[in-house]
């Protein structure tokens, strides 16, 4: 399972507007940056409702990338 598919699976199960999910991947020598853009109406689920939600997603992504010895970061765009 690719990292984008893994992240999309998590986000799809949290938000209501599944068609508005946009994930981009940028990889360089420092690691991987995943940018997530979702519908503004769903933003409260990921960030404001439970601050721990976004932190937990970031932790899962880091664990997913540990096997590749790479660093991963997740940025949520508004």
C-alpha atoms as a PDB file:
ATOM      1  CA  UNK A   1       0.000   0.000   0.000  1.00  0.00           C
ATOM      2  CA  UNK A   2       1.442   3.350  -0.978  1.00  0.00           C
ATOM      3  CA  UNK A   3       1.611   6.189   1.514  1.00  0.00           C
ATOM      4  CA  UNK A   4      -0.919   8.279  -0.403  1.00  0.00           C
ATOM      5  CA  UNK A   5      -3.391   5.392  -0.461  1.00  0.00           C
ATOM      6  CA  UNK A   6      -2.807   4.813   3.244  1.00  0.00           C
ATOM      7  CA  UNK A   7      -3.470   8.473   4.077  1.00  0.00           C
ATOM      8  CA  UNK A   8      -6.488   8.627   1.757  1.00  0.00           C
ATOM      9  CA  UNK A   9      -7.969   5.547   3.426  1.00  0.00           C
ATOM     10  CA  UNK A  10      -7.685   7.198   6.852  1.00  0.00           C
ATOM     11  CA  UNK A  11      -9.090  10.550   5.727  1.00  0.00           C
ATOM     12  CA  UNK A  12     -11.965   9.009   3.741  1.00  0.00           C
ATOM     13  CA  UNK A  13     -13.170   7.300   6.886  1.00  0.00           C
ATOM     14  CA  UNK A  14     -13.183  10.557   8.844  1.00  0.00           C
ATOM     15  CA  UNK A  15     -14.682  13.164   6.500  1.00  0.00           C
ATOM     16  CA  UNK A  16     -18.055  13.480   4.812  1.00  0.00           C
ATOM     17  CA  UNK A  17     -16.921  15.014   1.484  1.00  0.00           C
ATOM     18  CA  UNK A  18     -14.823  12.144   0.168  1.00  0.00           C
ATOM     19  CA  UNK A  19     -14.627  13.581  -3.376  1.00  0.00           C
ATOM     20  CA  UNK A  20     -12.887  16.748  -2.164  1.00  0.00           C
ATOM     21  CA  UNK A  21      -9.792  14.979  -0.828  1.00  0.00           C
ATOM     22  CA  UNK A  22      -6.597  16.015  -2.587  1.00  0.00           C
ATOM     23  CA  UNK A  23      -3.226  14.594  -1.526  1.00  0.00           C
ATOM     24  CA  UNK A  24       0.098  15.548  -3.079  1.00  0.00           C
ATOM     25  CA  UNK A  25       3.512  14.060  -2.406  1.00  0.00           C
ATOM     26  CA  UNK A  26       6.843  15.888  -2.587  1.00  0.00           C
ATOM     27  CA  UNK A  27       9.972  13.842  -1.982  1.00  0.00           C
ATOM     28  CA  UNK A  28      13.494  15.218  -1.549  1.00  0.00           C
ATOM     29  CA  UNK A  29      16.688  14.428   0.347  1.00  0.00           C
ATOM     30  CA  UNK A  30      15.094  15.484   3.651  1.00  0.00           C
ATOM     31  CA  UNK A  31      12.191  13.082   3.326  1.00  0.00           C
ATOM     32  CA  UNK A  32       8.601  13.127   2.163  1.00  0.00           C
ATOM     33  CA  UNK A  33       6.078  15.945   2.470  1.00  0.00           C
ATOM     34  CA  UNK A  34       2.438  15.018   2.038  1.00  0.00           C
ATOM     35  CA  UNK A  35       0.004  17.894   1.594  1.00  0.00           C
ATOM     36  CA  UNK A  36      -3.655  17.301   2.316  1.00  0.00           C
ATOM     37  CA  UNK A  37      -6.485  19.486   1.092  1.00  0.00           C
ATOM     38  CA  UNK A  38     -10.044  18.711   2.143  1.00  0.00           C
ATOM     39  CA  UNK A  39     -13.382  20.459   2.115  1.00  0.00           C
ATOM     40  CA  UNK A  40     -13.519  23.357   4.581  1.00  0.00           C
ATOM     41  CA  UNK A  41     -16.657  21.893   6.133  1.00  0.00           C
ATOM     42  CA  UNK A  42     -14.661  18.781   7.078  1.00  0.00           C
ATOM     43  CA  UNK A  43     -11.667  20.684   8.426  1.00  0.00           C
ATOM     44  CA  UNK A  44     -13.086  20.738  11.965  1.00  0.00           C
ATOM     45  CA  UNK A  45     -13.033  16.926  12.067  1.00  0.00           C
ATOM     46  CA  UNK A  46      -9.328  16.749  11.238  1.00  0.00           C
ATOM     47  CA  UNK A  47      -8.020  19.764  13.116  1.00  0.00           C
ATOM     48  CA  UNK A  48     -10.385  21.673  15.356  1.00  0.00           C
ATOM     49  CA  UNK A  49     -12.731  19.094  16.794  1.00  0.00           C
ATOM     50  CA  UNK A  50     -10.066  16.816  18.186  1.00  0.00           C
ATOM     51  CA  UNK A  51      -6.557  18.191  17.964  1.00  0.00           C
ATOM     52  CA  UNK A  52      -5.325  14.685  18.661  1.00  0.00           C
ATOM     53  CA  UNK A  53      -6.785  13.465  15.349  1.00  0.00           C
ATOM     54  CA  UNK A  54      -4.197  15.178  13.153  1.00  0.00           C
ATOM     55  CA  UNK A  55      -1.394  14.269  15.542  1.00  0.00           C
ATOM     56  CA  UNK A  56      -2.476  10.626  15.498  1.00  0.00           C
ATOM     57  CA  UNK A  57      -2.572  10.606  11.696  1.00  0.00           C
ATOM     58  CA  UNK A  58       0.953  12.046  11.606  1.00  0.00           C
ATOM     59  CA  UNK A  59       2.142   9.351  14.015  1.00  0.00           C
ATOM     60  CA  UNK A  60       0.646   6.600  11.846  1.00  0.00           C
ATOM     61  CA  UNK A  61       2.347   8.025   8.764  1.00  0.00           C
ATOM     62  CA  UNK A  62       5.704   8.167  10.550  1.00  0.00           C
ATOM     63  CA  UNK A  63       5.322   4.524  11.589  1.00  0.00           C
ATOM     64  CA  UNK A  64       4.399   3.611   8.021  1.00  0.00           C
ATOM     65  CA  UNK A  65       7.611   5.270   6.735  1.00  0.00           C
ATOM     66  CA  UNK A  66       9.955   3.860   9.388  1.00  0.00           C
ATOM     67  CA  UNK A  67      10.439   0.720   7.323  1.00  0.00           C
ATOM     68  CA  UNK A  68      11.851   2.894   4.488  1.00  0.00           C
ATOM     69  CA  UNK A  69      14.131   4.864   6.815  1.00  0.00           C
ATOM     70  CA  UNK A  70      12.605   8.115   5.590  1.00  0.00           C
ATOM     71  CA  UNK A  71      11.108  11.070   7.354  1.00  0.00           C
ATOM     72  CA  UNK A  72       7.529  12.042   6.534  1.00  0.00           C
ATOM     73  CA  UNK A  73       5.590  15.200   7.307  1.00  0.00           C
ATOM     74  CA  UNK A  74       1.937  15.996   6.763  1.00  0.00           C
ATOM     75  CA  UNK A  75       0.755  19.512   6.014  1.00  0.00           C
ATOM     76  CA  UNK A  76      -2.954  20.307   5.972  1.00  0.00           C
ATOM     77  CA  UNK A  77      -3.858  23.119   3.596  1.00  0.00           C
ATOM     78  CA  UNK A  78      -6.878  25.313   4.158  1.00  0.00           C
END
